[in-house]
Amino acid sequence: MLEWQNRFDTLIMEASHETGVPATLIKRLFARESQFWPGVFNAGADVGLGQLTKNGADIAFLWNPVFFEEFCPFVFEGEECNNGYLNLDEGQQERIRGALVYSVNALRDDAPLGIDFAQADFSVGVFANTLLGSCEQTGRVLRNNTEKSPGETTGYEDLWKFTLVNYNVGAGCLSLAIGETLNLSQELNWENLSSNLTDICMGASNYVDDISR
C-alpha cells in the first residue's frame, strides 16, 4: 500500500514545478478523490486519480490555454487547434473533453494487472494542469466580485482552498460564498468563506479541510 501511494511522487513533483500547483495539494487531492486508483469507480462519470469529469475538462481547456495547445494535437490533426478552445464548434469541444477524460483512465483489460501504467503516469500532469485551470478561474471569480487582484484580498493558502472549492463544486458555489462574505463585511479568508457556503455547496467545506489539513 505504501509503495503504491508513493509511486507517483516524482511525477507529482515534476508537475508541481511545471504548473506551480503545490505538490502536497496534488497528492492529497489524489488520496481524497481516488485513493490513488487511476480508473473509474462504479461506472461513474468521474475518472482517474483526481476524478476528472467533462465539466472539469472544460475548465482545464478554457482556463489553461497553454494546456489546450499541448493536448489538442492528440485529438485533431488540422487547423482546429490554432484558434483556441472557444473557437471549436460544439461537437469538437465535446470530442476533446471526452478525449481528456479518457486519457486519465488507466484501466485496460489487456494490460498487466489491468492498469496501463504509462497512462496513469501521464494523467498526473493532466490533473495538475486542471487544477491550474481551476486556479485561474478562481482568480477571475475573485476579481469579478471584488474588482481587485486575488492577492490583494486573500492569502496564498486560502486562495488554494478557494481553488479546491471551485474544483469540487464549481464557480457558482464559490462566487455565492464570496458574495455573502463581502455582504457581511467579513475578511475573505477560508474560515469566513467556508461558513458562508450555501447548503447545497456546504459539502465542499469538509472536502477542502480534508485535503488541506
N, C-alpha and C. Protein backbone atom coordinates (compact mmCIF):
# COMPACT_ATOMS: atom_id res chain seq x y z
N MET A 1 0.83 -1.20 0.00
CA MET A 1 0.00 0.00 0.00
C MET A 1 0.87 1.26 0.00
N LEU A 2 1.90 1.26 0.86
CA LEU A 2 2.77 2.44 0.92
C LEU A 2 3.51 2.64 -0.40
N GLU A 3 3.95 1.54 -1.00
CA GLU A 3 4.65 1.65 -2.29
C GLU A 3 3.75 2.26 -3.35
N TRP A 4 2.48 1.84 -3.38
CA TRP A 4 1.55 2.37 -4.39
C TRP A 4 1.24 3.85 -4.12
N GLN A 5 1.03 4.22 -2.87
CA GLN A 5 0.70 5.61 -2.55
C GLN A 5 1.84 6.57 -2.92
N ASN A 6 3.08 6.05 -2.86
CA ASN A 6 4.23 6.90 -3.15
C ASN A 6 4.75 6.75 -4.58
N ARG A 7 4.08 5.91 -5.35
CA ARG A 7 4.56 5.61 -6.70
C ARG A 7 4.63 6.86 -7.58
N PHE A 8 3.71 7.79 -7.37
CA PHE A 8 3.59 8.95 -8.24
C PHE A 8 4.34 10.17 -7.74
N ASP A 9 5.10 10.03 -6.66
CA ASP A 9 5.71 11.20 -6.01
C ASP A 9 6.60 12.00 -6.96
N THR A 10 7.47 11.32 -7.69
CA THR A 10 8.38 12.04 -8.60
C THR A 10 7.60 12.78 -9.67
N LEU A 11 6.58 12.13 -10.22
CA LEU A 11 5.75 12.77 -11.25
C LEU A 11 4.99 13.96 -10.68
N ILE A 12 4.52 13.82 -9.45
CA ILE A 12 3.81 14.92 -8.81
C ILE A 12 4.74 16.11 -8.61
N MET A 13 5.96 15.86 -8.18
CA MET A 13 6.93 16.95 -8.01
C MET A 13 7.22 17.63 -9.35
N GLU A 14 7.40 16.84 -10.40
CA GLU A 14 7.66 17.42 -11.72
C GLU A 14 6.47 18.26 -12.19
N ALA A 15 5.26 17.76 -11.99
CA ALA A 15 4.06 18.51 -12.39
C ALA A 15 3.93 19.79 -11.57
N SER A 16 4.31 19.72 -10.30
CA SER A 16 4.26 20.90 -9.44
C SER A 16 5.23 21.98 -9.94
N HIS A 17 6.45 21.57 -10.29
CA HIS A 17 7.43 22.53 -10.80
C HIS A 17 6.95 23.15 -12.13
N GLU A 18 6.27 22.35 -12.93
CA GLU A 18 5.81 22.83 -14.24
C GLU A 18 4.65 23.81 -14.12
N THR A 19 3.73 23.55 -13.20
CA THR A 19 2.49 24.32 -13.13
C THR A 19 2.44 25.32 -11.99
N GLY A 20 3.25 25.11 -10.94
CA GLY A 20 3.17 25.96 -9.76
C GLY A 20 2.13 25.50 -8.76
N VAL A 21 1.42 24.41 -9.05
CA VAL A 21 0.45 23.87 -8.11
C VAL A 21 1.22 23.11 -7.02
N PRO A 22 0.97 23.39 -5.74
CA PRO A 22 1.72 22.72 -4.68
C PRO A 22 1.65 21.20 -4.77
N ALA A 23 2.80 20.53 -4.64
CA ALA A 23 2.85 19.08 -4.79
C ALA A 23 2.00 18.39 -3.72
N THR A 24 2.04 18.88 -2.50
CA THR A 24 1.25 18.26 -1.43
C THR A 24 -0.23 18.35 -1.73
N LEU A 25 -0.67 19.46 -2.31
CA LEU A 25 -2.08 19.60 -2.67
C LEU A 25 -2.46 18.56 -3.71
N ILE A 26 -1.63 18.37 -4.73
CA ILE A 26 -1.93 17.39 -5.77
C ILE A 26 -2.06 16.00 -5.16
N LYS A 27 -1.08 15.62 -4.33
CA LYS A 27 -1.08 14.27 -3.77
C LYS A 27 -2.27 14.05 -2.84
N ARG A 28 -2.58 15.02 -2.00
CA ARG A 28 -3.70 14.85 -1.07
C ARG A 28 -5.02 14.86 -1.82
N LEU A 29 -5.10 15.58 -2.93
CA LEU A 29 -6.31 15.53 -3.76
C LEU A 29 -6.49 14.12 -4.32
N PHE A 30 -5.39 13.51 -4.79
CA PHE A 30 -5.48 12.14 -5.30
C PHE A 30 -5.96 11.18 -4.20
N ALA A 31 -5.42 11.37 -2.99
CA ALA A 31 -5.81 10.50 -1.88
C ALA A 31 -7.30 10.64 -1.58
N ARG A 32 -7.79 11.87 -1.57
CA ARG A 32 -9.19 12.13 -1.26
C ARG A 32 -10.11 11.64 -2.38
N GLU A 33 -9.74 11.93 -3.61
CA GLU A 33 -10.63 11.65 -4.74
C GLU A 33 -10.67 10.17 -5.10
N SER A 34 -9.53 9.49 -5.07
CA SER A 34 -9.50 8.13 -5.63
C SER A 34 -8.70 7.13 -4.81
N GLN A 35 -8.08 7.57 -3.73
CA GLN A 35 -7.15 6.71 -3.00
C GLN A 35 -6.09 6.13 -3.94
N PHE A 36 -5.68 6.98 -4.89
CA PHE A 36 -4.62 6.68 -5.85
C PHE A 36 -4.99 5.57 -6.85
N TRP A 37 -6.27 5.38 -7.09
CA TRP A 37 -6.71 4.41 -8.08
C TRP A 37 -6.97 5.14 -9.40
N PRO A 38 -6.24 4.78 -10.48
CA PRO A 38 -6.29 5.57 -11.72
C PRO A 38 -7.38 5.15 -12.69
N GLY A 39 -8.56 4.86 -12.19
CA GLY A 39 -9.62 4.39 -13.08
C GLY A 39 -10.97 4.98 -12.74
N VAL A 40 -12.02 4.18 -12.95
CA VAL A 40 -13.40 4.60 -12.76
C VAL A 40 -13.98 3.85 -11.57
N PHE A 41 -14.79 4.56 -10.75
CA PHE A 41 -15.47 3.92 -9.64
C PHE A 41 -16.92 3.67 -10.01
N ASN A 42 -17.36 2.43 -9.89
CA ASN A 42 -18.78 2.09 -10.04
C ASN A 42 -19.38 2.65 -11.32
N ALA A 43 -18.61 2.59 -12.40
CA ALA A 43 -19.09 3.05 -13.72
C ALA A 43 -19.59 4.49 -13.67
N GLY A 44 -18.99 5.29 -12.80
CA GLY A 44 -19.40 6.69 -12.68
C GLY A 44 -18.78 7.56 -13.75
N ALA A 45 -19.12 8.84 -13.71
CA ALA A 45 -18.62 9.79 -14.70
C ALA A 45 -17.31 10.42 -14.28
N ASP A 46 -16.88 10.19 -13.03
CA ASP A 46 -15.63 10.75 -12.52
C ASP A 46 -14.52 9.73 -12.74
N VAL A 47 -13.39 10.18 -13.29
CA VAL A 47 -12.39 9.23 -13.76
C VAL A 47 -11.00 9.61 -13.28
N GLY A 48 -10.21 8.61 -12.91
CA GLY A 48 -8.78 8.80 -12.69
C GLY A 48 -8.39 9.22 -11.29
N LEU A 49 -7.10 9.48 -11.12
CA LEU A 49 -6.52 9.81 -9.82
C LEU A 49 -7.22 10.99 -9.16
N GLY A 50 -7.61 11.99 -9.94
CA GLY A 50 -8.27 13.17 -9.41
C GLY A 50 -9.73 13.25 -9.76
N GLN A 51 -10.29 12.13 -10.28
CA GLN A 51 -11.71 12.03 -10.60
C GLN A 51 -12.18 13.16 -11.53
N LEU A 52 -11.64 13.15 -12.73
CA LEU A 52 -11.98 14.17 -13.73
C LEU A 52 -13.34 13.89 -14.35
N THR A 53 -14.10 14.95 -14.60
CA THR A 53 -15.36 14.88 -15.33
C THR A 53 -15.24 15.74 -16.60
N LYS A 54 -16.25 15.67 -17.45
CA LYS A 54 -16.23 16.51 -18.65
C LYS A 54 -16.32 17.99 -18.27
N ASN A 55 -17.00 18.32 -17.18
CA ASN A 55 -17.01 19.71 -16.72
C ASN A 55 -15.62 20.14 -16.29
N GLY A 56 -14.89 19.24 -15.63
CA GLY A 56 -13.52 19.54 -15.26
C GLY A 56 -12.62 19.72 -16.47
N ALA A 57 -12.84 18.91 -17.49
CA ALA A 57 -12.08 19.05 -18.73
C ALA A 57 -12.35 20.41 -19.38
N ASP A 58 -13.61 20.85 -19.30
CA ASP A 58 -13.97 22.15 -19.85
C ASP A 58 -13.19 23.27 -19.14
N ILE A 59 -13.08 23.18 -17.82
CA ILE A 59 -12.31 24.17 -17.05
C ILE A 59 -10.84 24.14 -17.46
N ALA A 60 -10.30 22.93 -17.60
CA ALA A 60 -8.89 22.80 -17.96
C ALA A 60 -8.59 23.50 -19.28
N PHE A 61 -9.41 23.29 -20.28
CA PHE A 61 -9.15 23.85 -21.60
C PHE A 61 -9.47 25.34 -21.66
N LEU A 62 -10.54 25.75 -20.98
CA LEU A 62 -10.98 27.14 -21.05
C LEU A 62 -10.05 28.07 -20.28
N TRP A 63 -9.57 27.60 -19.12
CA TRP A 63 -8.81 28.48 -18.24
C TRP A 63 -7.31 28.20 -18.25
N ASN A 64 -6.88 27.20 -18.99
CA ASN A 64 -5.46 26.90 -19.11
C ASN A 64 -5.14 26.72 -20.60
N PRO A 65 -5.10 27.82 -21.34
CA PRO A 65 -4.94 27.74 -22.80
C PRO A 65 -3.64 27.09 -23.23
N VAL A 66 -2.59 27.21 -22.44
CA VAL A 66 -1.32 26.55 -22.80
C VAL A 66 -1.51 25.04 -22.80
N PHE A 67 -2.23 24.54 -21.82
CA PHE A 67 -2.50 23.10 -21.77
C PHE A 67 -3.37 22.67 -22.95
N PHE A 68 -4.35 23.49 -23.31
CA PHE A 68 -5.16 23.17 -24.50
C PHE A 68 -4.27 23.03 -25.73
N GLU A 69 -3.35 23.96 -25.91
CA GLU A 69 -2.46 23.91 -27.07
C GLU A 69 -1.60 22.65 -27.07
N GLU A 70 -1.21 22.18 -25.88
CA GLU A 70 -0.39 20.98 -25.79
C GLU A 70 -1.21 19.71 -26.05
N PHE A 71 -2.44 19.69 -25.58
CA PHE A 71 -3.24 18.47 -25.68
C PHE A 71 -3.98 18.36 -27.01
N CYS A 72 -4.39 19.46 -27.56
CA CYS A 72 -5.23 19.46 -28.76
C CYS A 72 -4.68 18.62 -29.91
N PRO A 73 -3.36 18.67 -30.22
CA PRO A 73 -2.85 17.86 -31.34
C PRO A 73 -3.00 16.36 -31.15
N PHE A 74 -3.24 15.90 -29.93
CA PHE A 74 -3.52 14.48 -29.72
C PHE A 74 -4.88 14.09 -30.28
N VAL A 75 -5.75 15.08 -30.49
CA VAL A 75 -7.13 14.81 -30.90
C VAL A 75 -7.38 15.25 -32.34
N PHE A 76 -6.87 16.44 -32.72
CA PHE A 76 -7.11 16.98 -34.06
C PHE A 76 -5.80 17.15 -34.82
N GLU A 77 -5.84 16.86 -36.10
CA GLU A 77 -4.63 16.93 -36.91
C GLU A 77 -4.56 18.18 -37.77
N GLY A 78 -5.67 18.87 -37.97
CA GLY A 78 -5.71 20.02 -38.87
C GLY A 78 -5.49 21.34 -38.15
N GLU A 79 -6.26 22.36 -38.56
CA GLU A 79 -6.09 23.71 -38.04
C GLU A 79 -6.98 23.99 -36.83
N GLU A 80 -7.70 22.96 -36.36
CA GLU A 80 -8.64 23.18 -35.27
C GLU A 80 -7.99 23.74 -34.02
N CYS A 81 -6.73 23.42 -33.80
CA CYS A 81 -6.07 23.82 -32.56
C CYS A 81 -5.52 25.25 -32.59
N ASN A 82 -5.57 25.89 -33.75
CA ASN A 82 -4.86 27.17 -33.90
C ASN A 82 -5.51 28.34 -33.19
N ASN A 83 -6.82 28.29 -32.98
CA ASN A 83 -7.54 29.47 -32.50
C ASN A 83 -8.15 29.32 -31.12
N GLY A 84 -7.73 28.30 -30.38
CA GLY A 84 -8.18 28.16 -29.01
C GLY A 84 -9.44 27.32 -28.85
N TYR A 85 -9.67 26.94 -27.62
CA TYR A 85 -10.79 26.06 -27.29
C TYR A 85 -12.15 26.67 -27.63
N LEU A 86 -12.33 27.95 -27.35
CA LEU A 86 -13.63 28.58 -27.57
C LEU A 86 -14.03 28.64 -29.03
N ASN A 87 -13.05 28.57 -29.92
CA ASN A 87 -13.35 28.64 -31.35
C ASN A 87 -13.62 27.27 -31.98
N LEU A 88 -13.52 26.21 -31.20
CA LEU A 88 -14.00 24.92 -31.66
C LEU A 88 -15.52 24.92 -31.67
N ASP A 89 -16.14 24.18 -32.59
CA ASP A 89 -17.59 24.10 -32.54
C ASP A 89 -18.01 23.14 -31.42
N GLU A 90 -19.30 23.08 -31.16
CA GLU A 90 -19.79 22.32 -30.00
C GLU A 90 -19.39 20.85 -30.07
N GLY A 91 -19.46 20.28 -31.26
CA GLY A 91 -19.10 18.89 -31.41
C GLY A 91 -17.62 18.65 -31.17
N GLN A 92 -16.79 19.56 -31.64
CA GLN A 92 -15.35 19.43 -31.42
C GLN A 92 -14.99 19.58 -29.95
N GLN A 93 -15.66 20.53 -29.26
CA GLN A 93 -15.42 20.69 -27.83
C GLN A 93 -15.81 19.42 -27.07
N GLU A 94 -16.93 18.85 -27.44
CA GLU A 94 -17.36 17.61 -26.78
C GLU A 94 -16.34 16.49 -27.03
N ARG A 95 -15.83 16.43 -28.23
CA ARG A 95 -14.86 15.38 -28.56
C ARG A 95 -13.57 15.53 -27.76
N ILE A 96 -13.05 16.74 -27.65
CA ILE A 96 -11.77 16.91 -26.95
C ILE A 96 -11.96 16.77 -25.43
N ARG A 97 -13.12 17.17 -24.91
CA ARG A 97 -13.39 16.94 -23.49
C ARG A 97 -13.43 15.44 -23.20
N GLY A 98 -14.11 14.70 -24.07
CA GLY A 98 -14.17 13.26 -23.90
C GLY A 98 -12.81 12.61 -23.99
N ALA A 99 -11.98 13.12 -24.89
CA ALA A 99 -10.63 12.58 -25.05
C ALA A 99 -9.80 12.81 -23.79
N LEU A 100 -9.96 13.99 -23.17
CA LEU A 100 -9.18 14.27 -21.96
C LEU A 100 -9.62 13.36 -20.82
N VAL A 101 -10.93 13.18 -20.65
CA VAL A 101 -11.41 12.28 -19.60
C VAL A 101 -10.92 10.85 -19.86
N TYR A 102 -10.98 10.42 -21.10
CA TYR A 102 -10.50 9.08 -21.45
C TYR A 102 -9.02 8.93 -21.15
N SER A 103 -8.26 10.00 -21.34
CA SER A 103 -6.80 9.92 -21.19
C SER A 103 -6.37 9.69 -19.75
N VAL A 104 -7.23 10.00 -18.77
CA VAL A 104 -6.85 9.80 -17.37
C VAL A 104 -7.36 8.48 -16.81
N ASN A 105 -8.04 7.70 -17.63
CA ASN A 105 -8.49 6.38 -17.22
C ASN A 105 -7.44 5.35 -17.63
N ALA A 106 -6.71 4.84 -16.66
CA ALA A 106 -5.59 3.93 -16.96
C ALA A 106 -5.99 2.46 -16.90
N LEU A 107 -7.26 2.15 -16.72
CA LEU A 107 -7.67 0.75 -16.67
C LEU A 107 -7.75 0.18 -18.08
N ARG A 108 -7.07 -0.95 -18.29
CA ARG A 108 -7.05 -1.62 -19.59
C ARG A 108 -7.13 -3.12 -19.35
N ASP A 109 -8.09 -3.77 -19.97
CA ASP A 109 -8.26 -5.21 -19.78
C ASP A 109 -7.05 -6.01 -20.26
N ASP A 110 -6.37 -5.49 -21.30
CA ASP A 110 -5.26 -6.24 -21.89
C ASP A 110 -3.90 -5.87 -21.30
N ALA A 111 -3.89 -5.04 -20.25
CA ALA A 111 -2.62 -4.61 -19.63
C ALA A 111 -2.32 -5.47 -18.41
N PRO A 112 -1.03 -5.60 -18.05
CA PRO A 112 -0.67 -6.32 -16.84
C PRO A 112 -1.37 -5.71 -15.62
N LEU A 113 -1.97 -6.55 -14.81
CA LEU A 113 -2.71 -6.11 -13.62
C LEU A 113 -3.92 -5.24 -13.96
N GLY A 114 -4.22 -5.14 -15.25
CA GLY A 114 -5.37 -4.34 -15.68
C GLY A 114 -5.14 -2.85 -15.68
N ILE A 115 -3.89 -2.41 -15.55
CA ILE A 115 -3.57 -0.98 -15.47
C ILE A 115 -2.49 -0.63 -16.48
N ASP A 116 -2.74 0.39 -17.28
CA ASP A 116 -1.73 0.94 -18.18
C ASP A 116 -0.94 1.98 -17.38
N PHE A 117 0.24 1.58 -16.91
CA PHE A 117 0.99 2.45 -16.01
C PHE A 117 1.48 3.72 -16.71
N ALA A 118 1.78 3.64 -17.99
CA ALA A 118 2.19 4.83 -18.72
C ALA A 118 1.05 5.84 -18.77
N GLN A 119 -0.17 5.35 -18.93
CA GLN A 119 -1.33 6.25 -18.96
C GLN A 119 -1.57 6.84 -17.59
N ALA A 120 -1.40 6.04 -16.54
CA ALA A 120 -1.55 6.56 -15.18
C ALA A 120 -0.53 7.66 -14.91
N ASP A 121 0.70 7.45 -15.36
CA ASP A 121 1.75 8.46 -15.17
C ASP A 121 1.39 9.74 -15.93
N PHE A 122 0.91 9.59 -17.16
CA PHE A 122 0.53 10.75 -17.98
C PHE A 122 -0.56 11.57 -17.29
N SER A 123 -1.45 10.88 -16.60
CA SER A 123 -2.60 11.57 -16.01
C SER A 123 -2.22 12.53 -14.90
N VAL A 124 -1.06 12.31 -14.27
CA VAL A 124 -0.65 13.21 -13.18
C VAL A 124 -0.54 14.64 -13.69
N GLY A 125 0.10 14.83 -14.83
CA GLY A 125 0.23 16.16 -15.41
C GLY A 125 -1.10 16.74 -15.84
N VAL A 126 -2.01 15.88 -16.31
CA VAL A 126 -3.35 16.35 -16.69
C VAL A 126 -4.05 16.97 -15.48
N PHE A 127 -4.00 16.29 -14.35
CA PHE A 127 -4.69 16.81 -13.17
C PHE A 127 -4.02 18.07 -12.63
N ALA A 128 -2.70 18.14 -12.69
CA ALA A 128 -2.02 19.36 -12.26
C ALA A 128 -2.45 20.54 -13.12
N ASN A 129 -2.55 20.32 -14.42
CA ASN A 129 -2.98 21.40 -15.31
C ASN A 129 -4.46 21.73 -15.15
N THR A 130 -5.26 20.75 -14.78
CA THR A 130 -6.67 21.03 -14.50
C THR A 130 -6.81 21.88 -13.24
N LEU A 131 -6.01 21.56 -12.22
CA LEU A 131 -6.00 22.39 -11.00
C LEU A 131 -5.53 23.81 -11.31
N LEU A 132 -4.56 23.93 -12.20
CA LEU A 132 -4.10 25.26 -12.59
C LEU A 132 -5.21 26.03 -13.29
N GLY A 133 -5.97 25.36 -14.14
CA GLY A 133 -7.12 26.00 -14.77
C GLY A 133 -8.15 26.42 -13.75
N SER A 134 -8.39 25.57 -12.76
CA SER A 134 -9.33 25.92 -11.69
C SER A 134 -8.83 27.11 -10.89
N CYS A 135 -7.51 27.18 -10.70
CA CYS A 135 -6.91 28.33 -10.00
C CYS A 135 -7.15 29.63 -10.79
N GLU A 136 -6.97 29.56 -12.10
CA GLU A 136 -7.19 30.75 -12.93
C GLU A 136 -8.65 31.18 -12.87
N GLN A 137 -9.57 30.23 -12.91
CA GLN A 137 -10.98 30.56 -12.84
C GLN A 137 -11.32 31.17 -11.48
N THR A 138 -10.73 30.62 -10.44
CA THR A 138 -10.94 31.16 -9.09
C THR A 138 -10.48 32.62 -9.02
N GLY A 139 -9.33 32.90 -9.62
CA GLY A 139 -8.86 34.28 -9.66
C GLY A 139 -9.83 35.21 -10.35
N ARG A 140 -10.42 34.74 -11.45
CA ARG A 140 -11.40 35.57 -12.17
C ARG A 140 -12.65 35.80 -11.32
N VAL A 141 -13.11 34.76 -10.63
CA VAL A 141 -14.29 34.91 -9.78
C VAL A 141 -14.02 35.95 -8.69
N LEU A 142 -12.83 35.91 -8.10
CA LEU A 142 -12.48 36.91 -7.08
C LEU A 142 -12.43 38.31 -7.67
N ARG A 143 -11.83 38.46 -8.83
CA ARG A 143 -11.76 39.78 -9.47
C ARG A 143 -13.16 40.31 -9.77
N ASN A 144 -14.03 39.44 -10.27
CA ASN A 144 -15.38 39.86 -10.62
C ASN A 144 -16.15 40.34 -9.39
N ASN A 145 -15.87 39.73 -8.24
CA ASN A 145 -16.61 40.09 -7.02
C ASN A 145 -16.00 41.25 -6.27
N THR A 146 -14.69 41.43 -6.39
CA THR A 146 -14.02 42.44 -5.57
C THR A 146 -13.43 43.60 -6.38
N GLU A 147 -13.29 43.40 -7.69
CA GLU A 147 -12.63 44.37 -8.56
C GLU A 147 -11.18 44.62 -8.13
N LYS A 148 -10.58 43.62 -7.50
CA LYS A 148 -9.18 43.67 -7.09
C LYS A 148 -8.50 42.38 -7.51
N SER A 149 -7.17 42.40 -7.54
CA SER A 149 -6.45 41.17 -7.83
C SER A 149 -6.58 40.23 -6.64
N PRO A 150 -6.55 38.91 -6.87
CA PRO A 150 -6.75 37.96 -5.77
C PRO A 150 -5.78 38.16 -4.61
N GLY A 151 -4.53 38.48 -4.90
CA GLY A 151 -3.54 38.65 -3.85
C GLY A 151 -3.79 39.84 -2.95
N GLU A 152 -4.62 40.79 -3.40
CA GLU A 152 -4.95 41.95 -2.57
C GLU A 152 -6.00 41.63 -1.52
N THR A 153 -6.77 40.58 -1.74
CA THR A 153 -7.91 40.31 -0.86
C THR A 153 -7.76 39.04 -0.03
N THR A 154 -6.90 38.11 -0.49
CA THR A 154 -6.88 36.78 0.10
C THR A 154 -5.45 36.25 0.15
N GLY A 155 -5.10 35.53 1.22
CA GLY A 155 -3.77 34.97 1.36
C GLY A 155 -3.54 33.76 0.46
N TYR A 156 -2.28 33.40 0.32
CA TYR A 156 -1.87 32.34 -0.60
C TYR A 156 -2.55 31.01 -0.30
N GLU A 157 -2.50 30.54 0.94
CA GLU A 157 -3.10 29.25 1.27
C GLU A 157 -4.61 29.28 1.09
N ASP A 158 -5.23 30.38 1.47
CA ASP A 158 -6.68 30.47 1.30
C ASP A 158 -7.08 30.49 -0.17
N LEU A 159 -6.24 31.07 -1.03
CA LEU A 159 -6.54 31.05 -2.46
C LEU A 159 -6.58 29.63 -2.99
N TRP A 160 -5.67 28.78 -2.52
CA TRP A 160 -5.70 27.38 -2.95
C TRP A 160 -6.92 26.67 -2.38
N LYS A 161 -7.34 27.02 -1.19
CA LYS A 161 -8.56 26.42 -0.63
C LYS A 161 -9.78 26.86 -1.45
N PHE A 162 -9.81 28.11 -1.86
CA PHE A 162 -10.89 28.58 -2.73
C PHE A 162 -10.85 27.81 -4.05
N THR A 163 -9.64 27.54 -4.55
CA THR A 163 -9.49 26.78 -5.80
C THR A 163 -10.06 25.38 -5.66
N LEU A 164 -9.86 24.77 -4.50
CA LEU A 164 -10.43 23.44 -4.27
C LEU A 164 -11.95 23.48 -4.23
N VAL A 165 -12.53 24.54 -3.69
CA VAL A 165 -13.98 24.70 -3.76
C VAL A 165 -14.43 24.74 -5.21
N ASN A 166 -13.73 25.52 -6.00
CA ASN A 166 -14.06 25.65 -7.42
C ASN A 166 -13.94 24.29 -8.12
N TYR A 167 -12.89 23.55 -7.79
CA TYR A 167 -12.66 22.23 -8.40
C TYR A 167 -13.75 21.25 -7.99
N ASN A 168 -14.20 21.32 -6.76
CA ASN A 168 -15.12 20.33 -6.22
C ASN A 168 -16.58 20.62 -6.55
N VAL A 169 -17.02 21.85 -6.36
CA VAL A 169 -18.45 22.16 -6.52
C VAL A 169 -18.73 23.26 -7.54
N GLY A 170 -17.68 23.88 -8.09
CA GLY A 170 -17.90 24.80 -9.19
C GLY A 170 -17.84 26.27 -8.83
N ALA A 171 -17.72 27.09 -9.88
CA ALA A 171 -17.54 28.53 -9.72
C ALA A 171 -18.79 29.20 -9.15
N GLY A 172 -19.97 28.65 -9.42
CA GLY A 172 -21.19 29.26 -8.90
C GLY A 172 -21.22 29.23 -7.38
N CYS A 173 -20.88 28.07 -6.80
CA CYS A 173 -20.83 27.95 -5.34
C CYS A 173 -19.79 28.90 -4.76
N LEU A 174 -18.63 28.96 -5.40
CA LEU A 174 -17.58 29.84 -4.91
C LEU A 174 -18.00 31.29 -4.96
N SER A 175 -18.59 31.71 -6.07
CA SER A 175 -19.00 33.11 -6.23
C SER A 175 -20.06 33.51 -5.22
N LEU A 176 -21.03 32.63 -4.97
CA LEU A 176 -22.07 32.94 -3.99
C LEU A 176 -21.48 33.10 -2.59
N ALA A 177 -20.53 32.24 -2.25
CA ALA A 177 -19.91 32.33 -0.92
C ALA A 177 -19.07 33.59 -0.78
N ILE A 178 -18.36 33.95 -1.84
CA ILE A 178 -17.60 35.20 -1.82
C ILE A 178 -18.54 36.39 -1.66
N GLY A 179 -19.62 36.38 -2.43
CA GLY A 179 -20.58 37.48 -2.35
C GLY A 179 -21.17 37.63 -0.97
N GLU A 180 -21.52 36.51 -0.33
CA GLU A 180 -22.09 36.57 1.02
C GLU A 180 -21.05 37.04 2.03
N THR A 181 -19.82 36.62 1.87
CA THR A 181 -18.75 37.06 2.77
C THR A 181 -18.56 38.57 2.67
N LEU A 182 -18.57 39.08 1.46
CA LEU A 182 -18.44 40.53 1.26
C LEU A 182 -19.66 41.26 1.80
N ASN A 183 -20.86 40.70 1.60
CA ASN A 183 -22.08 41.35 2.10
C ASN A 183 -22.05 41.49 3.62
N LEU A 184 -21.40 40.52 4.28
CA LEU A 184 -21.30 40.55 5.74
C LEU A 184 -20.09 41.35 6.22
N SER A 185 -19.40 41.97 5.27
CA SER A 185 -18.20 42.78 5.58
C SER A 185 -17.13 41.97 6.31
N GLN A 186 -17.01 40.70 5.94
CA GLN A 186 -16.02 39.82 6.54
C GLN A 186 -14.78 39.73 5.67
N GLU A 187 -13.67 39.41 6.29
CA GLU A 187 -12.43 39.22 5.54
C GLU A 187 -12.56 37.98 4.65
N LEU A 188 -11.98 38.08 3.45
CA LEU A 188 -12.06 36.97 2.50
C LEU A 188 -10.99 35.92 2.84
N ASN A 189 -11.27 35.10 3.83
CA ASN A 189 -10.39 34.00 4.18
C ASN A 189 -11.22 32.72 4.23
N TRP A 190 -10.53 31.59 4.41
CA TRP A 190 -11.23 30.31 4.36
C TRP A 190 -12.21 30.15 5.51
N GLU A 191 -11.86 30.57 6.69
CA GLU A 191 -12.75 30.42 7.84
C GLU A 191 -14.10 31.09 7.57
N ASN A 192 -14.06 32.31 7.03
CA ASN A 192 -15.31 33.01 6.78
C ASN A 192 -16.04 32.45 5.57
N LEU A 193 -15.30 32.21 4.49
CA LEU A 193 -15.95 31.73 3.27
C LEU A 193 -16.60 30.37 3.48
N SER A 194 -15.94 29.48 4.21
CA SER A 194 -16.49 28.13 4.42
C SER A 194 -17.80 28.18 5.18
N SER A 195 -17.96 29.15 6.07
CA SER A 195 -19.20 29.27 6.83
C SER A 195 -20.30 29.94 6.01
N ASN A 196 -19.95 30.51 4.85
CA ASN A 196 -20.92 31.20 4.01
C ASN A 196 -21.28 30.43 2.74
N LEU A 197 -20.82 29.19 2.64
CA LEU A 197 -21.27 28.34 1.54
C LEU A 197 -22.75 28.04 1.69
N THR A 198 -23.46 28.00 0.58
CA THR A 198 -24.88 27.66 0.65
C THR A 198 -25.04 26.19 1.02
N ASP A 199 -26.25 25.80 1.41
CA ASP A 199 -26.49 24.43 1.87
C ASP A 199 -26.08 23.41 0.82
N ILE A 200 -26.39 23.68 -0.44
CA ILE A 200 -26.10 22.72 -1.50
C ILE A 200 -24.60 22.62 -1.78
N CYS A 201 -23.86 23.63 -1.38
CA CYS A 201 -22.41 23.66 -1.62
C CYS A 201 -21.59 23.31 -0.39
N MET A 202 -22.25 23.11 0.75
CA MET A 202 -21.55 23.00 2.02
C MET A 202 -20.62 21.80 2.10
N GLY A 203 -20.88 20.77 1.29
CA GLY A 203 -20.01 19.61 1.29
C GLY A 203 -18.58 19.93 0.94
N ALA A 204 -18.36 21.04 0.24
CA ALA A 204 -17.00 21.44 -0.14
C ALA A 204 -16.17 21.81 1.08
N SER A 205 -16.80 22.18 2.18
CA SER A 205 -16.05 22.56 3.37
C SER A 205 -15.24 21.39 3.91
N ASN A 206 -15.88 20.23 4.08
CA ASN A 206 -15.17 19.04 4.55
C ASN A 206 -14.14 18.59 3.53
N TYR A 207 -14.48 18.71 2.25
CA TYR A 207 -13.57 18.32 1.16
C TYR A 207 -12.28 19.11 1.26
N VAL A 208 -12.39 20.42 1.39
CA VAL A 208 -11.20 21.28 1.45
C VAL A 208 -10.43 21.03 2.73
N ASP A 209 -11.12 20.92 3.86
CA ASP A 209 -10.43 20.70 5.12
C ASP A 209 -9.67 19.38 5.11
N ASP A 210 -10.26 18.36 4.51
CA ASP A 210 -9.63 17.05 4.46
C ASP A 210 -8.34 17.09 3.65
N ILE A 211 -8.36 17.80 2.52
CA ILE A 211 -7.18 17.88 1.66
C ILE A 211 -6.11 18.79 2.24
N SER A 212 -6.51 19.85 2.88
CA SER A 212 -5.55 20.88 3.27
C SER A 212 -5.10 20.81 4.73
N ARG A 213 -5.66 19.90 5.49
CA ARG A 213 -5.32 19.86 6.94
C ARG A 213 -3.85 19.48 7.14
